[in-house]
Amino acid sequence: MSKSTKRSVAFFLVVLCGVSLLNCMSSREQADQDSTARAEQREREFMQRQAEYVKEHGHGKHYSLKDGKVYE
């Protein structure tokens, strides 16, 4: 193989690797965003269920932030 052909093949491989890396990174960011969105949705649903429970049953126990004890 001639020197220019080797350079062309090397350049092509570098570009191919770069494009593959960018594609991988962009799909990972999308997966992270999807995961974050699902976690936020679960948190909203949990808070809604908790609010409904407290509305129906009231607070059974109270927690003191000062001393960390639970009071009835």
Protein backbone atom coordinates (compact mmCIF):
# COMPACT_ATOMS: atom_id res chain seq x y z
CA MET A 1 0.00 0.00 0.00
CA SER A 2 1.18 3.45 -0.75
CA LYS A 3 1.72 6.11 1.88
CA SER A 4 -1.30 8.17 0.81
CA THR A 5 -3.57 5.13 0.92
CA LYS A 6 -2.42 4.33 4.46
CA ARG A 7 -3.11 7.93 5.48
CA SER A 8 -6.58 7.80 3.94
CA VAL A 9 -7.40 4.55 5.70
CA ALA A 10 -6.08 5.90 9.02
CA PHE A 11 -8.10 9.11 8.62
CA PHE A 12 -11.24 7.10 7.79
CA LEU A 13 -10.77 4.94 10.90
CA VAL A 14 -10.26 7.97 13.13
CA VAL A 15 -13.40 9.63 11.76
CA LEU A 16 -15.38 6.40 12.10
CA CYS A 17 -14.30 6.00 15.74
CA GLY A 18 -15.15 9.64 16.48
CA VAL A 19 -18.61 9.37 15.00
CA SER A 20 -19.25 6.12 16.88
CA LEU A 21 -18.15 7.74 20.13
CA LEU A 22 -20.42 10.75 19.62
CA ASN A 23 -23.35 8.47 18.82
CA CYS A 24 -22.74 6.42 21.95
CA MET A 25 -22.51 9.52 24.14
CA SER A 26 -25.71 11.03 22.77
CA SER A 27 -27.69 7.83 23.32
CA ARG A 28 -26.33 7.57 26.87
CA GLU A 29 -27.49 11.14 27.61
CA GLN A 30 -30.95 10.25 26.32
CA ALA A 31 -31.03 7.16 28.55
CA ASP A 32 -29.98 9.29 31.55
CA GLN A 33 -32.74 11.80 30.81
CA ASP A 34 -35.31 9.01 30.49
CA SER A 35 -34.16 7.50 33.77
CA THR A 36 -34.38 10.87 35.52
CA ALA A 37 -37.86 11.48 34.14
CA ARG A 38 -39.05 8.06 35.36
CA ALA A 39 -37.58 8.69 38.82
CA GLU A 40 -39.28 12.09 39.05
CA GLN A 41 -42.60 10.53 38.00
CA ARG A 42 -42.27 7.82 40.68
CA GLU A 43 -41.46 10.49 43.26
CA ARG A 44 -44.56 12.52 42.31
CA GLU A 45 -46.75 9.41 42.51
CA PHE A 46 -45.31 8.50 45.91
CA MET A 47 -45.87 12.00 47.28
CA GLN A 48 -49.46 11.94 45.97
CA ARG A 49 -50.15 8.57 47.64
CA GLN A 50 -48.56 9.80 50.86
CA ALA A 51 -50.70 12.96 50.83
CA GLU A 52 -53.86 10.91 50.25
CA TYR A 53 -52.95 8.56 53.11
CA VAL A 54 -52.31 11.45 55.50
CA LYS A 55 -55.57 13.07 54.41
CA GLU A 56 -57.51 9.87 55.20
CA HIS A 57 -55.70 8.70 58.33
CA GLY A 58 -53.91 11.75 59.67
CA HIS A 59 -50.45 11.72 61.12
CA GLY A 60 -50.05 8.87 63.55
CA LYS A 61 -46.61 9.81 64.71
CA HIS A 62 -44.66 13.02 64.85
CA TYR A 63 -40.93 13.26 64.41
CA SER A 64 -38.83 15.78 66.24
CA LEU A 65 -36.04 17.18 64.12
CA LYS A 66 -34.33 18.56 67.21
CA ASP A 67 -33.76 15.34 69.10
CA GLY A 68 -34.64 12.74 66.44
CA LYS A 69 -37.29 11.06 68.59
CA VAL A 70 -40.72 9.79 67.54
CA TYR A 71 -43.74 10.98 69.48
CA GLU A 72 -47.30 9.59 69.34
